[in-house]
N, C-alpha and C. Protein backbone atom coordinates (compact mmCIF):
# COMPACT_ATOMS: atom_id res chain seq x y z
N UNK A 1 -12.14 3.36 17.94
CA UNK A 1 -10.53 3.38 16.81
C UNK A 1 -11.12 2.48 16.22
N UNK A 2 -11.00 2.93 14.46
CA UNK A 2 -10.80 1.85 13.68
C UNK A 2 -10.25 1.74 12.85
N UNK A 3 -9.72 0.61 12.29
CA UNK A 3 -8.84 -0.01 10.95
C UNK A 3 -8.70 0.61 9.75
N UNK A 4 -8.00 0.99 9.26
CA UNK A 4 -8.03 1.35 7.67
C UNK A 4 -6.93 0.74 7.27
N UNK A 5 -7.16 0.18 5.84
CA UNK A 5 -5.40 0.04 5.00
C UNK A 5 -5.46 1.17 4.39
N UNK A 6 -4.61 1.94 3.94
CA UNK A 6 -4.42 2.47 2.69
C UNK A 6 -3.47 1.58 1.73
N UNK A 7 -3.76 1.31 0.81
CA UNK A 7 -3.08 0.47 0.08
C UNK A 7 -2.27 1.61 -1.30
N UNK A 8 -1.09 1.76 -1.84
CA UNK A 8 -0.31 1.86 -2.37
C UNK A 8 -0.35 1.90 -3.63
N UNK A 9 -1.10 2.84 -4.76
CA UNK A 9 -1.65 2.28 -5.81
C UNK A 9 -0.39 3.45 -7.12
N UNK A 10 0.77 2.41 -7.90
CA UNK A 10 1.15 3.09 -8.46
C UNK A 10 1.96 1.91 -9.86
N UNK A 11 2.51 2.81 -10.52
CA UNK A 11 2.72 2.01 -12.00
C UNK A 11 4.66 1.64 -11.85
N UNK A 12 5.24 0.59 -11.80
CA UNK A 12 6.39 0.22 -11.45
C UNK A 12 7.48 1.29 -12.08
N UNK A 13 7.06 2.00 -13.01
CA UNK A 13 7.84 2.78 -13.89
C UNK A 13 8.80 3.11 -13.12
N UNK A 14 8.12 3.93 -11.63
CA UNK A 14 8.45 5.05 -10.82
C UNK A 14 9.91 4.55 -10.03
N UNK A 15 10.33 3.44 -10.59
CA UNK A 15 11.69 2.99 -9.94
C UNK A 15 12.48 2.63 -11.05
N UNK A 16 12.52 3.46 -12.37
CA UNK A 16 13.12 3.35 -13.22
C UNK A 16 13.81 5.24 -13.04
N UNK A 17 13.31 6.06 -12.38
CA UNK A 17 13.67 8.04 -11.59
C UNK A 17 14.93 7.50 -11.39
N UNK A 18 15.75 8.50 -11.93
CA UNK A 18 17.17 8.66 -11.64
C UNK A 18 17.28 8.60 -9.88
N UNK A 19 18.76 7.97 -9.10
CA UNK A 19 18.51 7.75 -7.33
C UNK A 19 17.72 8.86 -6.73
N UNK A 20 18.71 10.27 -7.36
CA UNK A 20 18.42 11.69 -6.87
C UNK A 20 16.81 11.98 -6.01
N UNK A 21 15.87 11.06 -7.66
CA UNK A 21 14.37 11.37 -7.71
C UNK A 21 13.80 10.77 -6.67
N UNK A 22 14.57 9.25 -6.75
CA UNK A 22 13.94 8.27 -5.84
C UNK A 22 14.22 8.44 -4.43
N UNK A 23 15.55 8.65 -4.35
CA UNK A 23 15.42 9.30 -2.62
C UNK A 23 15.05 10.28 -2.12
N UNK A 24 14.66 11.23 -2.81
CA UNK A 24 13.51 12.71 -2.47
C UNK A 24 12.07 11.56 -2.24
N UNK A 25 11.62 10.78 -2.95
CA UNK A 25 10.04 10.30 -2.88
C UNK A 25 10.24 9.18 -1.64
N UNK A 26 11.45 8.19 -1.30
CA UNK A 26 11.41 7.58 0.15
C UNK A 26 11.59 8.84 1.23
N UNK A 27 12.29 10.09 0.71
CA UNK A 27 12.37 10.59 2.23
C UNK A 27 10.90 11.35 2.20
N UNK A 28 10.51 11.57 1.28
CA UNK A 28 8.46 12.01 1.82
C UNK A 28 8.12 10.98 2.61
N UNK A 29 8.04 9.28 1.90
CA UNK A 29 7.50 8.84 2.83
C UNK A 29 7.93 8.14 3.90
N UNK A 30 9.07 8.60 3.97
CA UNK A 30 9.90 8.19 5.70
C UNK A 30 8.95 9.41 6.71
N UNK A 31 9.37 10.25 6.17
CA UNK A 31 8.76 11.60 7.26
C UNK A 31 7.56 11.79 7.36
N UNK A 32 6.76 10.85 6.46
CA UNK A 32 5.14 10.92 6.47
C UNK A 32 4.89 9.80 8.12
N UNK A 33 5.96 8.77 7.18
CA UNK A 33 6.09 7.70 8.20
C UNK A 33 6.04 7.65 9.61
N UNK A 34 7.01 8.67 9.83
CA UNK A 34 7.58 9.12 11.03
C UNK A 34 6.32 9.71 11.54
N UNK A 35 6.11 10.34 10.94
CA UNK A 35 5.15 11.58 11.79
C UNK A 35 3.46 11.05 11.95
N UNK A 36 3.31 9.93 11.46
CA UNK A 36 2.00 8.96 11.63
C UNK A 36 2.19 7.80 13.09
N UNK A 37 3.27 7.89 12.52
CA UNK A 37 3.97 6.80 13.71
C UNK A 37 3.97 7.42 15.03
N UNK A 38 4.47 8.47 15.49
CA UNK A 38 4.68 9.64 16.68
C UNK A 38 3.55 9.94 17.19
N UNK A 39 2.12 10.52 15.89
CA UNK A 39 0.69 10.50 16.67
C UNK A 39 -0.18 9.35 16.87
N UNK A 40 0.50 7.75 16.42
CA UNK A 40 0.05 6.79 16.98
C UNK A 40 -0.96 6.05 16.11
N UNK A 41 -1.03 6.51 15.14
CA UNK A 41 -1.76 6.46 13.56
C UNK A 41 -1.36 5.39 12.85
N UNK A 42 0.00 5.34 12.56
CA UNK A 42 0.47 4.05 12.02
C UNK A 42 0.49 3.22 12.55
N UNK A 43 -0.51 1.73 12.12
CA UNK A 43 0.17 0.94 13.10
C UNK A 43 1.04 -0.20 12.43
N UNK A 44 1.18 -0.14 11.42
CA UNK A 44 2.38 -1.19 10.58
C UNK A 44 2.00 -1.05 9.01
N UNK A 45 2.80 -1.19 8.13
CA UNK A 45 3.12 -1.18 6.42
C UNK A 45 4.20 -1.75 6.08
N UNK A 46 4.24 -2.01 4.92
CA UNK A 46 5.64 -2.41 4.07
C UNK A 46 5.52 -2.30 2.90
N UNK A 47 6.78 -1.91 1.95
CA UNK A 47 6.49 -1.48 0.44
C UNK A 47 6.92 -2.85 -0.25
N UNK A 48 5.97 -3.19 -1.09
CA UNK A 48 5.74 -5.12 -1.69
C UNK A 48 7.21 -4.87 -2.88
N UNK A 49 7.63 -5.97 -3.08
CA UNK A 49 8.82 -6.58 -4.11
C UNK A 49 7.57 -6.21 -5.78
N UNK A 50 8.32 -5.74 -6.58
CA UNK A 50 8.24 -5.60 -7.83
C UNK A 50 6.73 -6.82 -7.80
N UNK A 51 6.01 -6.27 -8.90
CA UNK A 51 4.46 -7.04 -9.34
C UNK A 51 5.14 -8.62 -10.18
N UNK A 52 6.65 -8.75 -10.98
CA UNK A 52 6.73 -9.86 -11.04
C UNK A 52 7.62 -11.23 -10.27
N UNK A 53 7.14 -10.53 -9.16
CA UNK A 53 7.46 -11.25 -8.03
C UNK A 53 6.59 -12.60 -7.62
N UNK A 54 5.16 -12.05 -7.60
CA UNK A 54 3.80 -12.06 -7.55
C UNK A 54 3.38 -13.55 -7.64
N UNK A 55 2.78 -14.06 -7.10
CA UNK A 55 2.30 -15.81 -7.24
C UNK A 55 0.48 -15.45 -7.00
N UNK A 56 0.32 -15.88 -7.26
CA UNK A 56 -1.47 -16.03 -7.16
C UNK A 56 -2.02 -17.57 -6.65
N UNK A 57 -2.69 -18.22 -5.62
CA UNK A 57 -3.14 -19.19 -5.16
C UNK A 57 -4.37 -19.23 -5.74
N UNK A 58 -5.09 -20.08 -6.90
CA UNK A 58 -5.85 -20.14 -6.86
C UNK A 58 -6.96 -21.40 -6.80
N UNK A 59 -8.19 -21.61 -6.39
CA UNK A 59 -8.93 -22.63 -6.66
C UNK A 59 -9.73 -22.89 -7.86
N UNK A 60 -9.30 -23.96 -8.59
CA UNK A 60 -9.42 -24.42 -10.22
C UNK A 60 -9.83 -25.77 -9.89
N UNK A 61 -11.31 -26.26 -10.01
CA UNK A 61 -11.73 -27.48 -10.16
C UNK A 61 -11.65 -28.38 -8.44
N UNK A 62 -11.89 -27.24 -7.83
CA UNK A 62 -12.09 -27.87 -6.36
C UNK A 62 -10.06 -28.77 -6.04
N UNK A 63 -9.42 -28.12 -6.63
CA UNK A 63 -7.82 -28.04 -6.69
C UNK A 63 -7.29 -26.61 -6.51
N UNK A 64 -6.20 -26.59 -5.66
CA UNK A 64 -5.46 -25.36 -5.34
C UNK A 64 -4.45 -24.89 -6.48
N UNK A 65 -4.73 -24.51 -7.27
CA UNK A 65 -3.28 -24.24 -8.17
C UNK A 65 -2.99 -22.95 -8.23
N UNK A 66 -0.78 -22.68 -8.59
CA UNK A 66 -0.28 -21.65 -8.15
C UNK A 66 -0.13 -20.98 -9.35
N UNK A 67 -0.34 -19.96 -9.53
CA UNK A 67 0.27 -19.30 -11.03
C UNK A 67 1.40 -18.25 -10.64
N UNK A 68 1.85 -17.98 -11.75
CA UNK A 68 2.69 -16.78 -11.77
C UNK A 68 2.30 -15.43 -11.70
N UNK A 69 2.75 -14.88 -11.17
CA UNK A 69 2.05 -13.24 -11.54
C UNK A 69 0.85 -13.33 -10.57
N UNK A 70 0.56 -11.23 -10.74
CA UNK A 70 -0.71 -10.99 -9.99
C UNK A 70 -1.18 -11.50 -10.38
N UNK A 71 -2.53 -10.85 -9.72
CA UNK A 71 -4.27 -11.83 -9.10
C UNK A 71 -4.55 -11.06 -10.44
N UNK A 72 -4.08 -9.44 -10.65
CA UNK A 72 -5.19 -8.52 -11.90
C UNK A 72 -3.84 -8.32 -12.98
N UNK A 73 -3.98 -8.43 -13.74
CA UNK A 73 -2.89 -7.56 -14.85
C UNK A 73 -3.51 -6.30 -14.81
N UNK A 74 -2.47 -4.91 -14.71
CA UNK A 74 -2.53 -3.97 -15.13
C UNK A 74 -1.45 -3.41 -14.66
N UNK A 75 -1.77 -1.91 -15.67
CA UNK A 75 -0.62 -0.82 -15.32
C UNK A 75 -0.36 -0.64 -13.99
N UNK A 76 -1.31 -0.36 -13.33
CA UNK A 76 -0.88 -0.06 -11.86
C UNK A 76 -1.24 -1.22 -11.03
N UNK A 77 -0.52 -0.96 -9.92
CA UNK A 77 -0.69 -2.26 -9.03
C UNK A 77 -0.71 -1.96 -7.52
N UNK A 78 -0.76 -2.69 -6.38
CA UNK A 78 -0.59 -1.94 -5.07
C UNK A 78 0.59 -2.61 -4.86
N UNK A 79 1.43 -1.05 -4.89
CA UNK A 79 2.91 -1.60 -4.38
C UNK A 79 3.55 -1.26 -2.80
N UNK A 80 2.63 -0.69 -2.17
CA UNK A 80 3.14 -1.21 -0.33
C UNK A 80 1.58 -0.72 -0.23
N UNK A 81 1.97 -1.25 1.25
CA UNK A 81 0.46 -1.14 2.10
C UNK A 81 0.86 -0.29 3.33
N UNK A 82 -0.24 0.36 4.02
CA UNK A 82 0.30 0.63 6.02
C UNK A 82 -1.16 0.80 6.29
N UNK A 83 -1.66 0.20 7.41
CA UNK A 83 -2.60 0.22 8.51
C UNK A 83 -2.53 1.08 9.34
N UNK A 84 -3.54 1.70 9.54
CA UNK A 84 -3.84 2.91 10.47
C UNK A 84 -4.88 2.94 11.44
N UNK A 85 -4.63 3.75 12.32
CA UNK A 85 -5.62 3.36 13.34
C UNK A 85 -6.58 5.07 13.81
N UNK A 86 -7.78 5.22 13.29
CA UNK A 86 -8.60 6.48 13.11
C UNK A 86 -9.79 6.42 13.56
N UNK A 87 -10.32 7.46 13.98
CA UNK A 87 -12.18 7.40 14.99
C UNK A 87 -13.10 6.95 13.35
N UNK A 88 -12.66 7.50 12.24
CA UNK A 88 -13.66 7.46 11.25
C UNK A 88 -13.04 7.55 9.52
N UNK A 89 -14.19 7.35 9.05
CA UNK A 89 -13.68 7.57 7.65
C UNK A 89 -13.13 8.88 6.96
N UNK A 90 -13.91 10.14 7.57
CA UNK A 90 -12.89 11.09 6.88
C UNK A 90 -12.24 11.26 7.99
N UNK A 91 -11.32 11.28 8.66
CA UNK A 91 -10.05 11.07 9.09
C UNK A 91 -9.22 9.87 8.32
N UNK A 92 -9.29 8.70 7.98
CA UNK A 92 -8.66 8.07 6.83
C UNK A 92 -8.10 8.99 5.74
N UNK A 93 -9.33 9.44 5.35
CA UNK A 93 -9.25 10.30 3.92
C UNK A 93 -8.13 11.22 4.47
N UNK A 94 -8.06 11.89 5.60
CA UNK A 94 -7.78 13.25 5.81
C UNK A 94 -5.87 12.46 5.40
N UNK A 95 -6.00 11.78 6.29
CA UNK A 95 -4.45 11.28 6.36
C UNK A 95 -4.29 10.65 4.98
N UNK A 96 -4.76 9.98 4.46
CA UNK A 96 -4.53 9.56 3.08
C UNK A 96 -4.16 10.42 2.28
N UNK A 97 -5.13 11.71 2.35
CA UNK A 97 -4.13 12.79 1.70
C UNK A 97 -3.05 13.60 1.83
N UNK A 98 -2.94 13.16 3.22
CA UNK A 98 -1.46 13.91 3.32
C UNK A 98 -0.27 13.01 2.92
N UNK A 99 -0.59 11.63 2.39
CA UNK A 99 0.48 10.80 1.86
C UNK A 99 0.99 11.18 0.74
N UNK A 100 2.43 10.86 0.37
CA UNK A 100 2.89 11.71 -0.96
C UNK A 100 2.54 11.13 -2.28
N UNK A 101 1.43 9.79 -2.17
CA UNK A 101 1.30 9.47 -3.47
C UNK A 101 0.10 8.59 -3.21
N UNK A 102 -0.55 8.43 -4.26
CA UNK A 102 -1.85 7.79 -4.68
C UNK A 102 -1.86 6.89 -3.94
N UNK A 103 -3.34 6.89 -2.62
CA UNK A 103 -3.54 5.33 -2.52
C UNK A 103 -4.63 5.30 -2.19
N UNK A 104 -5.08 4.37 -1.93
CA UNK A 104 -6.85 3.11 -1.50
C UNK A 104 -7.49 3.34 -0.54
N UNK A 105 -8.24 3.88 0.10
CA UNK A 105 -8.44 3.65 1.55
C UNK A 105 -9.51 2.33 2.05
N UNK A 106 -9.47 1.88 2.39
CA UNK A 106 -10.39 0.68 2.73
C UNK A 106 -10.25 0.26 4.03
N UNK A 107 -11.38 0.55 4.79
CA UNK A 107 -11.63 -0.10 6.11
C UNK A 107 -11.42 -1.31 6.20
N UNK A 108 -11.25 -1.76 7.28
CA UNK A 108 -11.27 -3.24 7.75
C UNK A 108 -12.13 -3.76 8.67
N UNK A 109 -12.56 -5.05 8.40
CA UNK A 109 -13.67 -5.86 8.71
C UNK A 109 -13.50 -6.16 9.87
N UNK A 110 -14.19 -5.67 10.83
CA UNK A 110 -13.68 -6.37 12.30
C UNK A 110 -14.99 -7.50 13.10
N UNK A 111 -14.05 -8.47 13.24
CA UNK A 111 -15.13 -9.96 13.46
C UNK A 111 -14.96 -9.91 14.98
């Protein structure tokens, strides 16, 4: 089996939706997570706090500096992640297609 990271890509404005709509979205994600866990595919993951809480640590002139905010400024950002364990990329894509939001699929590097 190979590990793949599914990065949930979204626009933080989704958090401004009415509570019933958010509850429905989170309900879909919970059902998906429960199913993938039951099948032994989902190995972990979490929603991330809003990007305004991000800090970036970067080497500048040989010294590590801390900056407020995410590494990349963009409208869309990584809002969560899941680690899945599947046989190949085709299966990772199939699993990603079943998730109720946009995700980036990235294989992990095994050392």
